[in-house]
C-alpha atoms as a PDB file:
ATOM      1  CA  MET A   1     -68.808-158.534 -14.150  1.00  0.00           C
ATOM      2  CA  THR A   2     -68.307-161.355 -11.665  1.00  0.00           C
ATOM      3  CA  ILE A   3     -71.151-163.868 -11.513  1.00  0.00           C
ATOM      4  CA  SER A   4     -71.973-164.386  -7.861  1.00  0.00           C
ATOM      5  CA  PHE A   5     -74.116-166.975  -6.086  1.00  0.00           C
ATOM      6  CA  LYS A   6     -74.190-165.122  -2.776  1.00  0.00           C
ATOM      7  CA  ASP A   7     -77.419-165.745  -0.809  1.00  0.00           C
ATOM      8  CA  LYS A   8     -78.288-168.682  -3.077  1.00  0.00           C
ATOM      9  CA  VAL A   9     -78.760-172.252  -1.893  1.00  0.00           C
ATOM     10  CA  ALA A  10     -77.775-174.963  -4.348  1.00  0.00           C
ATOM     11  CA  ILE A  11     -78.336-178.719  -4.356  1.00  0.00           C
ATOM     12  CA  VAL A  12     -75.965-180.770  -6.483  1.00  0.00           C
ATOM     13  CA  THR A  13     -76.656-184.489  -6.796  1.00  0.00           C
ATOM     14  CA  GLY A  14     -73.858-186.933  -7.427  1.00  0.00           C
ATOM     15  CA  ALA A  15     -71.467-184.331  -6.038  1.00  0.00           C
ATOM     16  CA  GLY A  16     -69.093-186.677  -4.234  1.00  0.00           C
ATOM     17  CA  GLY A  17     -66.697-186.686  -7.182  1.00  0.00           C
ATOM     18  CA  GLY A  18     -66.203-185.816 -10.833  1.00  0.00           C
ATOM     19  CA  LEU A  19     -68.442-183.184 -12.378  1.00  0.00           C
ATOM     20  CA  GLY A  20     -70.750-182.803  -9.383  1.00  0.00           C
ATOM     21  CA  LYS A  21     -67.834-182.138  -7.051  1.00  0.00           C
ATOM     22  CA  ALA A  22     -66.425-179.536  -9.452  1.00  0.00           C
ATOM     23  CA  TYR A  23     -69.830-177.802  -9.627  1.00  0.00           C
ATOM     24  CA  ALA A  24     -70.227-177.828  -5.838  1.00  0.00           C
ATOM     25  CA  LEU A  25     -66.764-176.434  -5.171  1.00  0.00           C
ATOM     26  CA  GLU A  26     -67.161-173.554  -7.623  1.00  0.00           C
ATOM     27  CA  LEU A  27     -70.680-172.713  -6.434  1.00  0.00           C
ATOM     28  CA  ALA A  28     -69.394-172.535  -2.864  1.00  0.00           C
ATOM     29  CA  LYS A  29     -66.371-170.492  -3.938  1.00  0.00           C
ATOM     30  CA  ARG A  30     -68.778-167.988  -5.499  1.00  0.00           C
ATOM     31  CA  GLY A  31     -70.861-167.670  -2.349  1.00  0.00           C
ATOM     32  CA  ALA A  32     -73.567-170.330  -2.582  1.00  0.00           C
ATOM     33  CA  LYS A  33     -74.559-172.518   0.322  1.00  0.00           C
ATOM     34  CA  VAL A  34     -74.308-176.023  -1.119  1.00  0.00           C
ATOM     35  CA  VAL A  35     -76.042-179.300  -0.366  1.00  0.00           C
ATOM     36  CA  VAL A  36     -73.641-182.003  -1.512  1.00  0.00           C
ATOM     37  CA  ASN A  37     -75.728-185.065  -2.314  1.00  0.00           C
ATOM     38  CA  ASP A  38     -74.075-188.380  -3.069  1.00  0.00           C
ATOM     39  CA  LEU A  39     -74.950-191.947  -2.247  1.00  0.00           C
ATOM     40  CA  GLY A  40     -71.275-192.705  -2.679  1.00  0.00           C
ATOM     41  CA  GLY A  41     -71.746-195.758  -4.857  1.00  0.00           C
ATOM     42  CA  ALA A  42     -69.602-197.117  -7.652  1.00  0.00           C
ATOM     43  CA  ARG A  43     -70.338-196.032 -11.208  1.00  0.00           C
ATOM     44  CA  ASP A  44     -72.718-198.971 -11.656  1.00  0.00           C
ATOM     45  CA  GLY A  45     -74.728-197.732  -8.667  1.00  0.00           C
ATOM     46  CA  THR A  46     -73.593-200.328  -6.139  1.00  0.00           C
ATOM     47  CA  GLY A  47     -72.184-199.637  -2.686  1.00  0.00           C
ATOM     48  CA  THR A  48     -71.947-196.471  -0.603  1.00  0.00           C
ATOM     49  CA  SER A  49     -69.218-194.183   0.761  1.00  0.00           C
ATOM     50  CA  ASP A  50     -68.697-190.907   2.595  1.00  0.00           C
ATOM     51  CA  ALA A  51     -67.745-189.053  -0.600  1.00  0.00           C
ATOM     52  CA  ALA A  52     -70.245-186.252   0.078  1.00  0.00           C
ATOM     53  CA  ALA A  53     -68.851-185.567   3.543  1.00  0.00           C
ATOM     54  CA  GLN A  54     -65.340-185.273   2.137  1.00  0.00           C
ATOM     55  CA  VAL A  55     -66.460-182.624  -0.372  1.00  0.00           C
ATOM     56  CA  VAL A  56     -68.256-180.709   2.404  1.00  0.00           C
ATOM     57  CA  GLU A  57     -65.056-180.682   4.457  1.00  0.00           C
ATOM     58  CA  GLN A  58     -63.176-179.318   1.460  1.00  0.00           C
ATOM     59  CA  ILE A  59     -65.750-176.534   1.043  1.00  0.00           C
ATOM     60  CA  LYS A  60     -65.735-175.659   4.730  1.00  0.00           C
ATOM     61  CA  SER A  61     -61.948-175.626   4.936  1.00  0.00           C
ATOM     62  CA  ALA A  62     -61.975-173.032   2.142  1.00  0.00           C
ATOM     63  CA  GLY A  63     -64.404-170.871   4.136  1.00  0.00           C
ATOM     64  CA  GLY A  64     -67.630-171.923   2.426  1.00  0.00           C
ATOM     65  CA  GLU A  65     -70.917-173.292   3.725  1.00  0.00           C
ATOM     66  CA  ALA A  66     -72.159-176.769   2.861  1.00  0.00           C
ATOM     67  CA  MET A  67     -73.966-179.809   4.175  1.00  0.00           C
ATOM     68  CA  ALA A  68     -73.759-183.437   3.106  1.00  0.00           C
ATOM     69  CA  ASN A  69     -76.693-185.609   2.106  1.00  0.00           C
ATOM     70  CA  GLY A  70     -76.444-189.328   1.451  1.00  0.00           C
ATOM     71  CA  GLY A  71     -79.968-189.858   0.123  1.00  0.00           C
ATOM     72  CA  SER A  72     -80.680-191.863  -3.007  1.00  0.00           C
ATOM     73  CA  VAL A  73     -82.196-189.878  -5.869  1.00  0.00           C
ATOM     74  CA  THR A  74     -84.325-192.920  -6.689  1.00  0.00           C
ATOM     75  CA  GLU A  75     -86.192-192.525  -3.382  1.00  0.00           C
ATOM     76  CA  TYR A  76     -88.597-189.596  -3.586  1.00  0.00           C
ATOM     77  CA  GLU A  77     -89.171-189.338   0.178  1.00  0.00           C
ATOM     78  CA  GLN A  78     -85.430-189.090   0.757  1.00  0.00           C
ATOM     79  CA  MET A  79     -85.251-186.201  -1.700  1.00  0.00           C
ATOM     80  CA  VAL A  80     -88.172-184.457   0.019  1.00  0.00           C
ATOM     81  CA  GLU A  81     -86.321-184.860   3.319  1.00  0.00           C
ATOM     82  CA  MET A  82     -83.126-183.475   1.751  1.00  0.00           C
ATOM     83  CA  VAL A  83     -84.934-180.359   0.547  1.00  0.00           C
ATOM     84  CA  ALA A  84     -86.595-179.876   3.936  1.00  0.00           C
ATOM     85  CA  LYS A  85     -83.203-180.051   5.683  1.00  0.00           C
ATOM     86  CA  ALA A  86     -81.714-177.600   3.188  1.00  0.00           C
ATOM     87  CA  LYS A  87     -84.528-175.124   3.811  1.00  0.00           C
ATOM     88  CA  GLU A  88     -84.231-175.561   7.567  1.00  0.00           C
ATOM     89  CA  ALA A  89     -80.476-174.975   7.523  1.00  0.00           C
ATOM     90  CA  PHE A  90     -80.161-172.375   4.775  1.00  0.00           C
ATOM     91  CA  GLY A  91     -83.628-170.874   4.309  1.00  0.00           C
ATOM     92  CA  GLY A  92     -84.527-171.998   0.796  1.00  0.00           C
ATOM     93  CA  VAL A  93     -83.406-173.782  -2.358  1.00  0.00           C
ATOM     94  CA  HIS A  94     -82.655-171.710  -5.451  1.00  0.00           C
ATOM     95  CA  ILE A  95     -80.578-174.025  -7.614  1.00  0.00           C
ATOM     96  CA  LEU A  96     -80.780-177.728  -8.431  1.00  0.00           C
ATOM     97  CA  ILE A  97     -78.200-179.496 -10.565  1.00  0.00           C
ATOM     98  CA  ASN A  98     -79.374-183.014 -11.395  1.00  0.00           C
ATOM     99  CA  ASN A  99     -76.006-184.646 -11.924  1.00  0.00           C
ATOM    100  CA  ALA A 100     -76.281-188.079 -10.278  1.00  0.00           C
ATOM    101  CA  GLY A 101     -75.970-190.964 -12.677  1.00  0.00           C
ATOM    102  CA  ILE A 102     -74.735-194.496 -13.260  1.00  0.00           C
ATOM    103  CA  LEU A 103     -73.635-196.609 -16.206  1.00  0.00           C
ATOM    104  CA  ARG A 104     -74.565-200.178 -17.095  1.00  0.00           C
ATOM    105  CA  ASP A 105     -73.052-200.357 -20.580  1.00  0.00           C
ATOM    106  CA  LYS A 106     -73.653-203.335 -22.884  1.00  0.00           C
ATOM    107  CA  SER A 107     -74.925-203.785 -26.399  1.00  0.00           C
ATOM    108  CA  PHE A 108     -78.719-204.061 -26.388  1.00  0.00           C
ATOM    109  CA  ALA A 109     -78.480-207.716 -27.473  1.00  0.00           C
ATOM    110  CA  LYS A 110     -76.520-208.533 -24.315  1.00  0.00           C
ATOM    111  CA  MET A 111     -78.263-206.136 -21.936  1.00  0.00           C
ATOM    112  CA  ASP A 112     -80.502-207.456 -19.177  1.00  0.00           C
ATOM    113  CA  MET A 113     -83.704-205.491 -18.688  1.00  0.00           C
ATOM    114  CA  PRO A 114     -82.966-204.821 -14.991  1.00  0.00           C
ATOM    115  CA  ASP A 115     -79.855-202.939 -16.178  1.00  0.00           C
ATOM    116  CA  PHE A 116     -81.977-200.963 -18.635  1.00  0.00           C
ATOM    117  CA  ASN A 117     -84.543-200.157 -15.967  1.00  0.00           C
ATOM    118  CA  LEU A 118     -82.038-199.153 -13.282  1.00  0.00           C
ATOM    119  CA  VAL A 119     -80.293-196.634 -15.533  1.00  0.00           C
ATOM    120  CA  LEU A 120     -83.653-195.029 -16.333  1.00  0.00           C
ATOM    121  CA  GLN A 121     -84.596-195.059 -12.656  1.00  0.00           C
ATOM    122  CA  VAL A 122     -81.441-193.230 -11.589  1.00  0.00           C
ATOM    123  CA  HIS A 123     -81.246-190.711 -14.413  1.00  0.00           C
ATOM    124  CA  VAL A 124     -84.883-190.019 -15.298  1.00  0.00           C
ATOM    125  CA  MET A 125     -86.762-190.798 -12.101  1.00  0.00           C
ATOM    126  CA  GLY A 126     -83.863-189.545  -9.987  1.00  0.00           C
ATOM    127  CA  SER A 127     -84.000-186.170 -11.741  1.00  0.00           C
ATOM    128  CA  ALA A 128     -87.801-186.140 -11.547  1.00  0.00           C
ATOM    129  CA  ASN A 129     -87.750-186.943  -7.816  1.00  0.00           C
ATOM    130  CA  CYS A 130     -85.282-184.164  -7.022  1.00  0.00           C
ATOM    131  CA  THR A 131     -87.049-181.665  -9.252  1.00  0.00           C
ATOM    132  CA  LYS A 132     -90.458-182.452  -7.805  1.00  0.00           C
ATOM    133  CA  ALA A 133     -89.037-182.050  -4.295  1.00  0.00           C
ATOM    134  CA  VAL A 134     -87.894-178.474  -5.046  1.00  0.00           C
ATOM    135  CA  TRP A 135     -90.606-177.428  -7.523  1.00  0.00           C
ATOM    136  CA  ASP A 136     -93.162-175.923  -5.146  1.00  0.00           C
ATOM    137  CA  THR A 137     -90.461-174.091  -3.191  1.00  0.00           C
ATOM    138  CA  MET A 138     -89.094-172.525  -6.356  1.00  0.00           C
ATOM    139  CA  ARG A 139     -92.533-171.539  -7.588  1.00  0.00           C
ATOM    140  CA  ASP A 140     -93.489-170.049  -4.204  1.00  0.00           C
ATOM    141  CA  GLN A 141     -90.324-167.966  -3.978  1.00  0.00           C
ATOM    142  CA  ALA A 142     -90.565-166.987  -7.696  1.00  0.00           C
ATOM    143  CA  TYR A 143     -87.004-168.074  -8.326  1.00  0.00           C
ATOM    144  CA  GLY A 144     -85.468-171.321  -9.466  1.00  0.00           C
ATOM    145  CA  ARG A 145     -82.662-172.563 -11.656  1.00  0.00           C
ATOM    146  CA  ILE A 146     -82.654-176.238 -12.625  1.00  0.00           C
ATOM    147  CA  LEU A 147     -80.084-178.064 -14.698  1.00  0.00           C
ATOM    148  CA  MET A 148     -80.611-181.510 -16.192  1.00  0.00           C
ATOM    149  CA  THR A 149     -77.683-183.599 -17.357  1.00  0.00           C
ATOM    150  CA  THR A 150     -78.292-184.903 -20.855  1.00  0.00           C
ATOM    151  CA  SER A 151     -75.618-186.468 -23.060  1.00  0.00           C
ATOM    152  CA  SER A 152     -74.350-186.739 -26.603  1.00  0.00           C
ATOM    153  CA  THR A 153     -75.462-190.377 -26.296  1.00  0.00           C
ATOM    154  CA  GLY A 154     -79.040-189.221 -25.836  1.00  0.00           C
ATOM    155  CA  LEU A 155     -78.827-186.565 -28.524  1.00  0.00           C
ATOM    156  CA  TYR A 156     -76.900-188.532 -31.137  1.00  0.00           C
ATOM    157  CA  GLY A 157     -76.509-192.146 -29.989  1.00  0.00           C
ATOM    158  CA  ASN A 158     -73.557-194.258 -28.854  1.00  0.00           C
ATOM    159  CA  PHE A 159     -72.983-197.989 -29.319  1.00  0.00           C
ATOM    160  CA  GLY A 160     -73.526-199.987 -26.131  1.00  0.00           C
ATOM    161  CA  GLN A 161     -75.544-197.340 -24.313  1.00  0.00           C
ATOM    162  CA  ALA A 162     -79.180-197.904 -25.284  1.00  0.00           C
ATOM    163  CA  ASN A 163     -80.320-197.533 -21.660  1.00  0.00           C
ATOM    164  CA  TYR A 164     -78.224-194.414 -21.046  1.00  0.00           C
ATOM    165  CA  GLY A 165     -79.257-192.825 -24.342  1.00  0.00           C
ATOM    166  CA  ALA A 166     -82.959-193.397 -23.698  1.00  0.00           C
ATOM    167  CA  ALA A 167     -82.604-191.802 -20.266  1.00  0.00           C
ATOM    168  CA  LYS A 168     -80.585-188.828 -21.433  1.00  0.00           C
ATOM    169  CA  LEU A 169     -82.845-187.831 -24.307  1.00  0.00           C
ATOM    170  CA  GLY A 170     -85.763-188.245 -21.918  1.00  0.00           C
ATOM    171  CA  LEU A 171     -84.200-185.608 -19.667  1.00  0.00           C
ATOM    172  CA  ALA A 172     -83.903-183.169 -22.578  1.00  0.00           C
ATOM    173  CA  GLY A 173     -87.624-183.635 -23.185  1.00  0.00           C
ATOM    174  CA  PHE A 174     -88.344-183.235 -19.468  1.00  0.00           C
ATOM    175  CA  THR A 175     -86.519-179.905 -19.599  1.00  0.00           C
ATOM    176  CA  LYS A 176     -88.623-178.632 -22.470  1.00  0.00           C
ATOM    177  CA  THR A 177     -91.922-179.052 -20.647  1.00  0.00           C
ATOM    178  CA  LEU A 178     -90.646-177.810 -17.278  1.00  0.00           C
ATOM    179  CA  HIS A 179     -89.345-174.650 -18.933  1.00  0.00           C
ATOM    180  CA  LEU A 180     -92.890-173.906 -20.123  1.00  0.00           C
ATOM    181  CA  GLU A 181     -94.506-174.691 -16.760  1.00  0.00           C
ATOM    182  CA  GLY A 182     -91.917-172.760 -14.768  1.00  0.00           C
ATOM    183  CA  ALA A 183     -91.708-169.656 -16.956  1.00  0.00           C
ATOM    184  CA  LYS A 184     -94.185-167.429 -15.128  1.00  0.00           C
ATOM    185  CA  TYR A 185     -92.610-168.322 -11.776  1.00  0.00           C
ATOM    186  CA  ASN A 186     -89.081-167.337 -12.881  1.00  0.00           C
ATOM    187  CA  VAL A 187     -87.998-170.971 -12.855  1.00  0.00           C
ATOM    188  CA  ARG A 188     -85.535-171.538 -15.677  1.00  0.00           C
ATOM    189  CA  VAL A 189     -84.640-175.036 -16.797  1.00  0.00           C
ATOM    190  CA  ASN A 190     -81.792-176.110 -19.071  1.00  0.00           C
ATOM    191  CA  SER A 191     -79.949-179.253 -20.175  1.00  0.00           C
ATOM    192  CA  LEU A 192     -76.199-179.757 -20.249  1.00  0.00           C
ATOM    193  CA  ALA A 193     -74.402-182.438 -22.257  1.00  0.00           C
ATOM    194  CA  PRO A 194     -70.956-182.637 -20.621  1.00  0.00           C
ATOM    195  CA  VAL A 195     -67.884-184.444 -21.874  1.00  0.00           C
ATOM    196  CA  ALA A 196     -65.427-184.973 -19.047  1.00  0.00           C
ATOM    197  CA  GLY A 197     -62.783-187.389 -17.889  1.00  0.00           C
ATOM    198  CA  THR A 198     -64.215-188.883 -14.689  1.00  0.00           C
ATOM    199  CA  ARG A 199     -64.538-192.336 -13.186  1.00  0.00           C
ATOM    200  CA  MET A 200     -67.715-192.689 -15.284  1.00  0.00           C
ATOM    201  CA  THR A 201     -65.738-192.265 -18.508  1.00  0.00           C
ATOM    202  CA  GLU A 202     -62.178-193.301 -17.702  1.00  0.00           C
ATOM    203  CA  ASP A 203     -62.278-196.453 -19.857  1.00  0.00           C
ATOM    204  CA  ILE A 204     -64.252-194.796 -22.681  1.00  0.00           C
ATOM    205  CA  PHE A 205     -61.880-191.950 -23.550  1.00  0.00           C
ATOM    206  CA  PRO A 206     -59.154-192.479 -26.154  1.00  0.00           C
ATOM    207  CA  GLU A 207     -55.680-192.603 -24.615  1.00  0.00           C
ATOM    208  CA  GLY A 208     -54.198-189.147 -24.109  1.00  0.00           C
ATOM    209  CA  LEU A 209     -57.528-187.301 -24.117  1.00  0.00           C
ATOM    210  CA  PHE A 210     -58.682-188.130 -20.586  1.00  0.00           C
ATOM    211  CA  GLU A 211     -56.452-185.468 -19.011  1.00  0.00           C
ATOM    212  CA  GLN A 212     -57.626-182.779 -21.438  1.00  0.00           C
ATOM    213  CA  PHE A 213     -61.293-183.185 -20.590  1.00  0.00           C
ATOM    214  CA  THR A 214     -61.244-182.189 -16.934  1.00  0.00           C
ATOM    215  CA  PRO A 215     -64.528-181.589 -15.057  1.00  0.00           C
ATOM    216  CA  GLU A 216     -63.357-178.013 -14.454  1.00  0.00           C
ATOM    217  CA  ASN A 217     -63.750-177.305 -18.183  1.00  0.00           C
ATOM    218  CA  VAL A 218     -67.484-178.054 -17.921  1.00  0.00           C
ATOM    219  CA  VAL A 219     -68.036-175.845 -14.860  1.00  0.00           C
ATOM    220  CA  PRO A 220     -68.364-172.499 -16.733  1.00  0.00           C
ATOM    221  CA  ALA A 221     -71.306-173.781 -18.770  1.00  0.00           C
ATOM    222  CA  ALA A 222     -73.031-175.493 -15.849  1.00  0.00           C
ATOM    223  CA  LEU A 223     -72.818-172.489 -13.544  1.00  0.00           C
ATOM    224  CA  TYR A 224     -73.909-170.002 -16.183  1.00  0.00           C
ATOM    225  CA  LEU A 225     -76.987-172.156 -16.851  1.00  0.00           C
ATOM    226  CA  VAL A 226     -78.012-171.879 -13.166  1.00  0.00           C
ATOM    227  CA  SER A 227     -77.030-168.235 -12.691  1.00  0.00           C
ATOM    228  CA  GLU A 228     -79.411-165.316 -12.197  1.00  0.00           C
ATOM    229  CA  ASP A 229     -79.158-164.317 -15.861  1.00  0.00           C
ATOM    230  CA  ALA A 230     -79.426-167.888 -17.144  1.00  0.00           C
ATOM    231  CA  PRO A 231     -81.305-168.610 -20.358  1.00  0.00           C
ATOM    232  CA  THR A 232     -84.002-171.266 -20.346  1.00  0.00           C
ATOM    233  CA  ASN A 233     -84.876-174.260 -22.536  1.00  0.00           C
ATOM    234  CA  MET A 234     -81.324-174.595 -23.861  1.00  0.00           C
ATOM    235  CA  ILE A 235     -79.316-177.721 -24.594  1.00  0.00           C
ATOM    236  CA  ILE A 236     -75.628-176.915 -24.207  1.00  0.00           C
ATOM    237  CA  GLY A 237     -72.638-179.150 -24.841  1.00  0.00           C
ATOM    238  CA  ALA A 238     -69.382-178.614 -22.961  1.00  0.00           C
ATOM    239  CA  GLY A 239     -66.063-180.397 -22.800  1.00  0.00           C
ATOM    240  CA  GLY A 240     -62.338-179.824 -23.032  1.00  0.00           C
ATOM    241  CA  GLY A 241     -62.801-176.080 -23.363  1.00  0.00           C
ATOM    242  CA  GLY A 242     -65.271-176.317 -26.246  1.00  0.00           C
ATOM    243  CA  TYR A 243     -68.902-175.245 -25.922  1.00  0.00           C
ATOM    244  CA  HIS A 244     -71.876-175.435 -28.296  1.00  0.00           C
ATOM    245  CA  ALA A 245     -75.660-175.419 -28.413  1.00  0.00           C
ATOM    246  CA  ALA A 246     -77.841-178.245 -29.721  1.00  0.00           C
ATOM    247  CA  TYR A 247     -81.384-177.819 -31.006  1.00  0.00           C
ATOM    248  CA  VAL A 248     -84.404-179.953 -31.813  1.00  0.00           C
ATOM    249  CA  THR A 249     -85.385-178.590 -35.197  1.00  0.00           C
ATOM    250  CA  MET A 250     -88.303-178.970 -37.592  1.00  0.00           C
ATOM    251  CA  THR A 251     -88.112-178.798 -41.375  1.00  0.00           C
ATOM    252  CA  PRO A 252     -90.817-176.917 -43.312  1.00  0.00           C
ATOM    253  CA  GLY A 253     -91.850-180.292 -44.702  1.00  0.00           C
ATOM    254  CA  VAL A 254     -94.774-180.684 -47.091  1.00  0.00           C
ATOM    255  CA  ALA A 255     -98.548-180.815 -46.973  1.00  0.00           C
ATOM    256  CA  LEU A 256     -99.836-183.621 -49.169  1.00  0.00           C
ATOM    257  CA  ARG A 257    -103.113-183.368 -51.045  1.00  0.00           C
ATOM    258  CA  GLN A 258    -105.721-185.986 -50.204  1.00  0.00           C
ATOM    259  CA  GLU A 259    -104.936-188.100 -53.269  1.00  0.00           C
ATOM    260  CA  ASP A 260    -101.234-188.232 -52.281  1.00  0.00           C
ATOM    261  CA  ARG A 261    -101.779-189.240 -48.645  1.00  0.00           C
ATOM    262  CA  ASN A 262    -100.626-192.798 -49.129  1.00  0.00           C
ATOM    263  CA  VAL A 263     -97.325-194.626 -48.771  1.00  0.00           C
ATOM    264  CA  GLU A 264     -96.327-193.944 -52.370  1.00  0.00           C
ATOM    265  CA  GLY A 265     -97.168-190.254 -52.094  1.00  0.00           C
ATOM    266  CA  PHE A 266     -95.135-189.985 -48.909  1.00  0.00           C
ATOM    267  CA  ALA A 267     -92.202-191.732 -50.597  1.00  0.00           C
ATOM    268  CA  ARG A 268     -92.339-189.325 -53.551  1.00  0.00           C
ATOM    269  CA  ALA A 269     -92.232-186.375 -51.142  1.00  0.00           C
ATOM    270  CA  TRP A 270     -89.400-187.749 -49.044  1.00  0.00           C
ATOM    271  CA  ASP A 271     -86.690-185.412 -50.349  1.00  0.00           C
ATOM    272  CA  LYS A 272     -88.876-182.378 -49.632  1.00  0.00           C
ATOM    273  CA  ILE A 273     -89.830-183.677 -46.191  1.00  0.00           C
ATOM    274  CA  ILE A 274     -86.197-183.938 -45.095  1.00  0.00           C
ATOM    275  CA  ASP A 275     -84.989-180.730 -46.806  1.00  0.00           C
ATOM    276  CA  ARG A 276     -83.528-178.607 -43.995  1.00  0.00           C
ATOM    277  CA  THR A 277     -83.800-175.317 -45.883  1.00  0.00           C
ATOM    278  CA  GLY A 278     -85.761-172.945 -43.645  1.00  0.00           C
ATOM    279  CA  GLU A 279     -85.928-175.293 -40.666  1.00  0.00           C
ATOM    280  CA  THR A 280     -87.113-173.834 -37.357  1.00  0.00           C
ATOM    281  CA  VAL A 281     -86.706-174.504 -33.642  1.00  0.00           C
ATOM    282  CA  PRO A 282     -90.210-174.858 -32.122  1.00  0.00           C
ATOM    283  CA  GLN A 283     -90.499-173.577 -28.563  1.00  0.00           C
ATOM    284  CA  SER A 284     -93.395-175.887 -27.725  1.00  0.00           C
ATOM    285  CA  GLY A 285     -95.152-178.926 -29.129  1.00  0.00           C
ATOM    286  CA  GLY A 286     -98.072-176.723 -30.074  1.00  0.00           C
ATOM    287  CA  GLU A 287     -95.916-174.888 -32.619  1.00  0.00           C
ATOM    288  CA  GLN A 288     -95.555-178.123 -34.569  1.00  0.00           C
ATOM    289  CA  SER A 289     -99.320-178.464 -34.880  1.00  0.00           C
ATOM    290  CA  ILE A 290     -99.706-174.814 -35.890  1.00  0.00           C
ATOM    291  CA  ALA A 291     -97.101-175.229 -38.640  1.00  0.00           C
ATOM    292  CA  VAL A 292     -98.903-178.297 -40.006  1.00  0.00           C
ATOM    293  CA  MET A 293    -102.261-176.492 -39.986  1.00  0.00           C
ATOM    294  CA  LYS A 294    -100.788-173.525 -41.851  1.00  0.00           C
ATOM    295  CA  ALA A 295     -99.301-175.805 -44.491  1.00  0.00           C
ATOM    296  CA  LEU A 296    -102.622-177.578 -44.951  1.00  0.00           C
ATOM    297  CA  GLN A 297    -104.484-174.267 -45.260  1.00  0.00           C
ATOM    298  CA  ALA A 298    -102.039-173.167 -47.943  1.00  0.00           C
ATOM    299  CA  LEU A 299    -103.169-176.091 -50.087  1.00  0.00           C
ATOM    300  CA  GLY A 300    -106.475-174.263 -50.538  1.00  0.00           C
END
C-alpha cells in the first residue's frame, strides 16, 4: 500500500538543504502541500540565503505545491506568522518536522557559553516555538504529526558536542511529554536520530562514508513517523539504510530496608540496581513512581 500525504499540509524547518530538503521533496512528491522553512544561514547559524525559495521552485517544477518561509525558529512570533500563512494558503497544518539546527562544536573546556546557549536556543527553543505555533491547530482539528530531531550525541554522547548533546536529549524528553498531552487529540509525536552526510556533518564523517549516508536514506523513517498510521513516543535511528529503535529503560532495581538506606547500603546493592534483567520501558514518569511504590510494599 502506498503511503500518501494527499490533502495534508506539512511544515519542514531547515528545509533549504540536506535532510530537510529531502523530507520536503518527498512529502510534496507524495501529495503534501509543503511549507519550506529555512533562514538560509551557514551551519553555525550565521548569514541568510534564498535556499528555501530554491527548494520551492524545485517542488513546483515537479508539479507539487509549496511555499517558502524565511522565518527564524528562534523567534516565536515569526513561527506564529508562518503557521498563519500556511493555514491561509493551504487550509491547515497537519505535519511539523522540526529539523532546523546548527553546530558550534568545541570541547566543553574551550566552549564559550554563548555558543552553548545558541545551540540550545535553535534546537530546543526553536522546536518548542514551532510546536507551540501549531499545537492548538492540531488539537482543534484532531490531527497532528510532529517529528523532533534528536541525535546519537544526545542519546549516547559525542566528544566536542556538549551543547548539541544537551539540546538533542532535551528534545527526546520534550517528545515524551507532548505524546501524552496530544494523545486524546490524535496528535502523535516522535523523535528521529538521523545519520546523514550533509553540510552539517561533512567534516565529521570518516573518509569514504559520506557518500553512503545520503539524506534520502533517512527519508523513509522520517515520513513514516509523520504518516497517518504513525506510532507515537518512539525514538528511531536512521542512516545509510539502517534503522533501529532506541528506548529509555528502567531496571527492576531494589527496595532497601530502612537500616540499609545509607551510602554503604546503596553501594552494597549497586550490582542489583544496575542489573538489566527484566528491565522495562515506562510510558510516563508516573510509571517510575508506581514501580518504586510496589517494590517498597513488597518489603512488608
